[in-house]
């Protein structure tokens, strides 16, 4: 698996939900269209790095 840093604009971000601090990867883009990908129990957000690269490549510069 390739690390998330393969996509230049990838940033790890955090938010608070009650007593939990949750993290997510933002692969960038300024589009109003959002694709939310949820992983299972034993995976992490980097599971979607290759898919995000393909989706981002298909979207190109469209916003």
PDB file of N, CA and C in Angstrom:
ATOM      1  N   UNK A   1       0.847  -1.183   0.000  1.00  0.00           N
ATOM      2  CA  UNK A   1       0.000   0.000   0.000  1.00  0.00           C
ATOM      3  C   UNK A   1       0.890   1.242   0.000  1.00  0.00           C
ATOM      4  N   UNK A   2       0.526   2.231  -0.797  1.00  0.00           N
ATOM      5  CA  UNK A   2       1.279   3.472  -0.858  1.00  0.00           C
ATOM      6  C   UNK A   2       0.849   4.401   0.270  1.00  0.00           C
ATOM      7  N   UNK A   3       1.796   5.167   0.831  1.00  0.00           N
ATOM      8  CA  UNK A   3       1.413   6.119   1.883  1.00  0.00           C
ATOM      9  C   UNK A   3       0.594   7.262   1.334  1.00  0.00           C
ATOM     10  N   UNK A   4      -0.190   7.901   2.199  1.00  0.00           N
ATOM     11  CA  UNK A   4      -1.086   8.983   1.787  1.00  0.00           C
ATOM     12  C   UNK A   4      -0.338  10.161   1.193  1.00  0.00           C
ATOM     13  N   UNK A   5       0.946  10.336   1.526  1.00  0.00           N
ATOM     14  CA  UNK A   5       1.703  11.474   1.038  1.00  0.00           C
ATOM     15  C   UNK A   5       1.903  11.448  -0.479  1.00  0.00           C
ATOM     16  N   UNK A   6       1.525  10.353  -1.158  1.00  0.00           N
ATOM     17  CA  UNK A   6       1.623  10.294  -2.607  1.00  0.00           C
ATOM     18  C   UNK A   6       0.717  11.316  -3.270  1.00  0.00           C
ATOM     19  N   UNK A   7      -0.311  11.747  -2.602  1.00  0.00           N
ATOM     20  CA  UNK A   7      -1.193  12.787  -3.114  1.00  0.00           C
ATOM     21  C   UNK A   7      -0.770  14.070  -2.406  1.00  0.00           C
ATOM     22  N   UNK A   8      -0.239  15.011  -3.186  1.00  0.00           N
ATOM     23  CA  UNK A   8       0.392  16.193  -2.615  1.00  0.00           C
ATOM     24  C   UNK A   8      -0.461  16.956  -1.616  1.00  0.00           C
ATOM     25  N   UNK A   9      -1.735  17.054  -1.849  1.00  0.00           N
ATOM     26  CA  UNK A   9      -2.575  17.899  -1.008  1.00  0.00           C
ATOM     27  C   UNK A   9      -3.177  17.169   0.199  1.00  0.00           C
ATOM     28  N   UNK A  10      -2.771  15.928   0.460  1.00  0.00           N
ATOM     29  CA  UNK A  10      -3.337  15.167   1.567  1.00  0.00           C
ATOM     30  C   UNK A  10      -2.967  15.785   2.912  1.00  0.00           C
ATOM     31  N   UNK A  11      -3.980  15.971   3.759  1.00  0.00           N
ATOM     32  CA  UNK A  11      -3.752  16.509   5.100  1.00  0.00           C
ATOM     33  C   UNK A  11      -4.545  15.699   6.107  1.00  0.00           C
ATOM     34  N   UNK A  12      -3.904  15.335   7.221  1.00  0.00           N
ATOM     35  CA  UNK A  12      -4.623  14.683   8.306  1.00  0.00           C
ATOM     36  C   UNK A  12      -5.268  15.777   9.143  1.00  0.00           C
ATOM     37  N   UNK A  13      -6.567  15.631   9.376  1.00  0.00           N
ATOM     38  CA  UNK A  13      -7.317  16.604  10.163  1.00  0.00           C
ATOM     39  C   UNK A  13      -8.042  15.876  11.278  1.00  0.00           C
ATOM     40  N   UNK A  14      -8.512  16.631  12.263  1.00  0.00           N
ATOM     41  CA  UNK A  14      -9.147  16.056  13.447  1.00  0.00           C
ATOM     42  C   UNK A  14     -10.438  16.796  13.771  1.00  0.00           C
ATOM     43  N   UNK A  15     -11.353  16.097  14.426  1.00  0.00           N
ATOM     44  CA  UNK A  15     -12.535  16.755  14.974  1.00  0.00           C
ATOM     45  C   UNK A  15     -12.959  16.021  16.236  1.00  0.00           C
ATOM     46  N   UNK A  16     -13.647  16.726  17.082  1.00  0.00           N
ATOM     47  CA  UNK A  16     -14.097  16.193  18.362  1.00  0.00           C
ATOM     48  C   UNK A  16     -15.556  15.764  18.250  1.00  0.00           C
ATOM     49  N   UNK A  17     -15.860  14.564  18.686  1.00  0.00           N
ATOM     50  CA  UNK A  17     -17.232  14.067  18.734  1.00  0.00           C
ATOM     51  C   UNK A  17     -17.475  13.552  20.145  1.00  0.00           C
ATOM     52  N   UNK A  18     -18.105  14.374  20.967  1.00  0.00           N
ATOM     53  CA  UNK A  18     -18.272  14.013  22.376  1.00  0.00           C
ATOM     54  C   UNK A  18     -16.906  13.933  23.035  1.00  0.00           C
ATOM     55  N   UNK A  19     -16.603  12.779  23.629  1.00  0.00           N
ATOM     56  CA  UNK A  19     -15.302  12.582  24.272  1.00  0.00           C
ATOM     57  C   UNK A  19     -14.251  11.992  23.337  1.00  0.00           C
ATOM     58  N   UNK A  20     -14.609  11.755  22.089  1.00  0.00           N
ATOM     59  CA  UNK A  20     -13.695  11.133  21.134  1.00  0.00           C
ATOM     60  C   UNK A  20     -13.044  12.163  20.226  1.00  0.00           C
ATOM     61  N   UNK A  21     -11.739  12.037  20.039  1.00  0.00           N
ATOM     62  CA  UNK A  21     -11.034  12.841  19.041  1.00  0.00           C
ATOM     63  C   UNK A  21     -10.823  11.927  17.837  1.00  0.00           C
ATOM     64  N   UNK A  22     -11.453  12.259  16.733  1.00  0.00           N
ATOM     65  CA  UNK A  22     -11.415  11.442  15.524  1.00  0.00           C
ATOM     66  C   UNK A  22     -10.552  12.125  14.472  1.00  0.00           C
ATOM     67  N   UNK A  23      -9.906  11.329  13.645  1.00  0.00           N
ATOM     68  CA  UNK A  23      -9.071  11.906  12.588  1.00  0.00           C
ATOM     69  C   UNK A  23      -9.568  11.432  11.228  1.00  0.00           C
ATOM     70  N   UNK A  24      -9.221  12.191  10.213  1.00  0.00           N
ATOM     71  CA  UNK A  24      -9.558  11.825   8.842  1.00  0.00           C
ATOM     72  C   UNK A  24      -8.505  12.398   7.914  1.00  0.00           C
ATOM     73  N   UNK A  25      -8.444  11.864   6.698  1.00  0.00           N
ATOM     74  CA  UNK A  25      -7.542  12.388   5.692  1.00  0.00           C
ATOM     75  C   UNK A  25      -8.354  13.188   4.690  1.00  0.00           C
ATOM     76  N   UNK A  26      -7.906  14.393   4.437  1.00  0.00           N
ATOM     77  CA  UNK A  26      -8.522  15.254   3.433  1.00  0.00           C
ATOM     78  C   UNK A  26      -7.593  15.238   2.228  1.00  0.00           C
ATOM     79  N   UNK A  27      -8.074  14.669   1.125  1.00  0.00           N
ATOM     80  CA  UNK A  27      -7.253  14.536  -0.071  1.00  0.00           C
ATOM     81  C   UNK A  27      -7.291  15.789  -0.940  1.00  0.00           C
ATOM     82  N   UNK A  28      -7.952  16.819  -0.484  1.00  0.00           N
ATOM     83  CA  UNK A  28      -7.916  18.095  -1.180  1.00  0.00           C
ATOM     84  C   UNK A  28      -9.042  18.265  -2.174  1.00  0.00           C
ATOM     85  N   UNK A  29      -8.945  19.352  -2.891  1.00  0.00           N
ATOM     86  CA  UNK A  29      -9.962  19.687  -3.870  1.00  0.00           C
ATOM     87  C   UNK A  29     -10.935  20.700  -3.309  1.00  0.00           C
ATOM     88  N   UNK A  30     -11.424  21.550  -4.167  1.00  0.00           N
ATOM     89  CA  UNK A  30     -12.337  22.609  -3.741  1.00  0.00           C
ATOM     90  C   UNK A  30     -13.745  22.396  -4.276  1.00  0.00           C
ATOM     91  N   UNK A  31     -14.022  21.220  -4.766  1.00  0.00           N
ATOM     92  CA  UNK A  31     -15.324  20.916  -5.339  1.00  0.00           C
ATOM     93  C   UNK A  31     -16.411  20.907  -4.268  1.00  0.00           C
ATOM     94  N   UNK A  32     -17.617  21.233  -4.678  1.00  0.00           N
ATOM     95  CA  UNK A  32     -18.763  21.111  -3.777  1.00  0.00           C
ATOM     96  C   UNK A  32     -19.198  19.653  -3.642  1.00  0.00           C
ATOM     97  N   UNK A  33     -18.713  18.804  -4.550  1.00  0.00           N
ATOM     98  CA  UNK A  33     -19.001  17.375  -4.488  1.00  0.00           C
ATOM     99  C   UNK A  33     -18.022  16.725  -3.512  1.00  0.00           C
ATOM    100  N   UNK A  34     -18.553  15.976  -2.564  1.00  0.00           N
ATOM    101  CA  UNK A  34     -17.732  15.332  -1.541  1.00  0.00           C
ATOM    102  C   UNK A  34     -17.915  13.825  -1.649  1.00  0.00           C
ATOM    103  N   UNK A  35     -16.813  13.101  -1.553  1.00  0.00           N
ATOM    104  CA  UNK A  35     -16.863  11.647  -1.520  1.00  0.00           C
ATOM    105  C   UNK A  35     -16.356  11.218  -0.149  1.00  0.00           C
ATOM    106  N   UNK A  36     -17.216  10.611   0.647  1.00  0.00           N
ATOM    107  CA  UNK A  36     -16.871  10.152   1.985  1.00  0.00           C
ATOM    108  C   UNK A  36     -16.656   8.649   1.932  1.00  0.00           C
ATOM    109  N   UNK A  37     -15.480   8.198   2.364  1.00  0.00           N
ATOM    110  CA  UNK A  37     -15.159   6.778   2.358  1.00  0.00           C
ATOM    111  C   UNK A  37     -14.884   6.354   3.799  1.00  0.00           C
ATOM    112  N   UNK A  38     -15.611   5.358   4.278  1.00  0.00           N
ATOM    113  CA  UNK A  38     -15.458   4.871   5.648  1.00  0.00           C
ATOM    114  C   UNK A  38     -14.786   3.502   5.632  1.00  0.00           C
ATOM    115  N   UNK A  39     -13.770   3.348   6.466  1.00  0.00           N
ATOM    116  CA  UNK A  39     -13.063   2.068   6.525  1.00  0.00           C
ATOM    117  C   UNK A  39     -13.598   1.208   7.662  1.00  0.00           C
ATOM    118  N   UNK A  40     -13.242  -0.051   7.614  1.00  0.00           N
ATOM    119  CA  UNK A  40     -13.663  -0.985   8.655  1.00  0.00           C
ATOM    120  C   UNK A  40     -12.773  -0.915   9.890  1.00  0.00           C
ATOM    121  N   UNK A  41     -13.069  -1.744  10.842  1.00  0.00           N
ATOM    122  CA  UNK A  41     -12.442  -1.731  12.166  1.00  0.00           C
ATOM    123  C   UNK A  41     -10.913  -1.828  12.128  1.00  0.00           C
ATOM    124  N   UNK A  42     -10.343  -2.722  11.359  1.00  0.00           N
ATOM    125  CA  UNK A  42      -8.894  -2.950  11.390  1.00  0.00           C
ATOM    126  C   UNK A  42      -8.127  -2.183  10.312  1.00  0.00           C
ATOM    127  N   UNK A  43      -8.765  -1.303   9.597  1.00  0.00           N
ATOM    128  CA  UNK A  43      -8.106  -0.513   8.561  1.00  0.00           C
ATOM    129  C   UNK A  43      -7.909   0.911   9.041  1.00  0.00           C
ATOM    130  N   UNK A  44      -7.314   1.731   8.180  1.00  0.00           N
ATOM    131  CA  UNK A  44      -7.213   3.156   8.473  1.00  0.00           C
ATOM    132  C   UNK A  44      -7.474   3.941   7.200  1.00  0.00           C
ATOM    133  N   UNK A  45      -7.483   5.249   7.304  1.00  0.00           N
ATOM    134  CA  UNK A  45      -7.857   6.104   6.172  1.00  0.00           C
ATOM    135  C   UNK A  45      -6.936   5.928   4.971  1.00  0.00           C
ATOM    136  N   UNK A  46      -5.702   5.517   5.208  1.00  0.00           N
ATOM    137  CA  UNK A  46      -4.769   5.339   4.082  1.00  0.00           C
ATOM    138  C   UNK A  46      -5.173   4.185   3.176  1.00  0.00           C
ATOM    139  N   UNK A  47      -6.137   3.393   3.611  1.00  0.00           N
ATOM    140  CA  UNK A  47      -6.691   2.327   2.783  1.00  0.00           C
ATOM    141  C   UNK A  47      -7.178   2.886   1.447  1.00  0.00           C
ATOM    142  N   UNK A  48      -7.614   4.142   1.437  1.00  0.00           N
ATOM    143  CA  UNK A  48      -8.242   4.741   0.259  1.00  0.00           C
ATOM    144  C   UNK A  48      -7.308   5.607  -0.580  1.00  0.00           C
ATOM    145  N   UNK A  49      -5.997   5.581  -0.305  1.00  0.00           N
ATOM    146  CA  UNK A  49      -5.058   6.449  -1.015  1.00  0.00           C
ATOM    147  C   UNK A  49      -5.089   6.232  -2.526  1.00  0.00           C
ATOM    148  N   UNK A  50      -5.037   4.976  -2.952  1.00  0.00           N
ATOM    149  CA  UNK A  50      -5.031   4.698  -4.400  1.00  0.00           C
ATOM    150  C   UNK A  50      -6.347   5.126  -5.045  1.00  0.00           C
ATOM    151  N   UNK A  51      -7.466   4.841  -4.379  1.00  0.00           N
ATOM    152  CA  UNK A  51      -8.769   5.245  -4.909  1.00  0.00           C
ATOM    153  C   UNK A  51      -8.872   6.769  -4.988  1.00  0.00           C
ATOM    154  N   UNK A  52      -8.417   7.453  -3.947  1.00  0.00           N
ATOM    155  CA  UNK A  52      -8.470   8.917  -3.943  1.00  0.00           C
ATOM    156  C   UNK A  52      -7.644   9.490  -5.087  1.00  0.00           C
ATOM    157  N   UNK A  53      -6.491   8.904  -5.354  1.00  0.00           N
ATOM    158  CA  UNK A  53      -5.650   9.369  -6.459  1.00  0.00           C
ATOM    159  C   UNK A  53      -6.367   9.207  -7.793  1.00  0.00           C
ATOM    160  N   UNK A  54      -7.044   8.074  -7.969  1.00  0.00           N
ATOM    161  CA  UNK A  54      -7.788   7.852  -9.215  1.00  0.00           C
ATOM    162  C   UNK A  54      -8.969   8.809  -9.349  1.00  0.00           C
ATOM    163  N   UNK A  55      -9.718   8.992  -8.278  1.00  0.00           N
ATOM    164  CA  UNK A  55     -10.868   9.885  -8.301  1.00  0.00           C
ATOM    165  C   UNK A  55     -10.407  11.323  -8.545  1.00  0.00           C
ATOM    166  N   UNK A  56      -9.344  11.721  -7.851  1.00  0.00           N
ATOM    167  CA  UNK A  56      -8.816  13.073  -8.028  1.00  0.00           C
ATOM    168  C   UNK A  56      -8.329  13.282  -9.448  1.00  0.00           C
ATOM    169  N   UNK A  57      -7.688  12.244 -10.012  1.00  0.00           N
ATOM    170  CA  UNK A  57      -7.198  12.312 -11.392  1.00  0.00           C
ATOM    171  C   UNK A  57      -8.343  12.425 -12.386  1.00  0.00           C
ATOM    172  N   UNK A  58      -9.466  11.730 -12.127  1.00  0.00           N
ATOM    173  CA  UNK A  58     -10.619  11.808 -13.005  1.00  0.00           C
ATOM    174  C   UNK A  58     -11.283  13.164 -12.918  1.00  0.00           C
ATOM    175  N   UNK A  59     -11.296  13.745 -11.697  1.00  0.00           N
ATOM    176  CA  UNK A  59     -11.931  15.038 -11.495  1.00  0.00           C
ATOM    177  C   UNK A  59     -11.078  16.175 -12.054  1.00  0.00           C
ATOM    178  N   UNK A  60      -9.759  15.978 -12.081  1.00  0.00           N
ATOM    179  CA  UNK A  60      -8.861  17.010 -12.593  1.00  0.00           C
ATOM    180  C   UNK A  60      -9.006  18.299 -11.816  1.00  0.00           C
ATOM    181  N   UNK A  61      -9.107  19.406 -12.523  1.00  0.00           N
ATOM    182  CA  UNK A  61      -9.193  20.726 -11.887  1.00  0.00           C
ATOM    183  C   UNK A  61     -10.640  21.191 -11.726  1.00  0.00           C
ATOM    184  N   UNK A  62     -11.582  20.317 -12.053  1.00  0.00           N
ATOM    185  CA  UNK A  62     -12.981  20.724 -11.945  1.00  0.00           C
ATOM    186  C   UNK A  62     -13.339  21.040 -10.502  1.00  0.00           C
ATOM    187  N   UNK A  63     -14.049  22.120 -10.293  1.00  0.00           N
ATOM    188  CA  UNK A  63     -14.479  22.479  -8.934  1.00  0.00           C
ATOM    189  C   UNK A  63     -15.983  22.663  -8.916  1.00  0.00           C
TER     190      UNK A  63
END
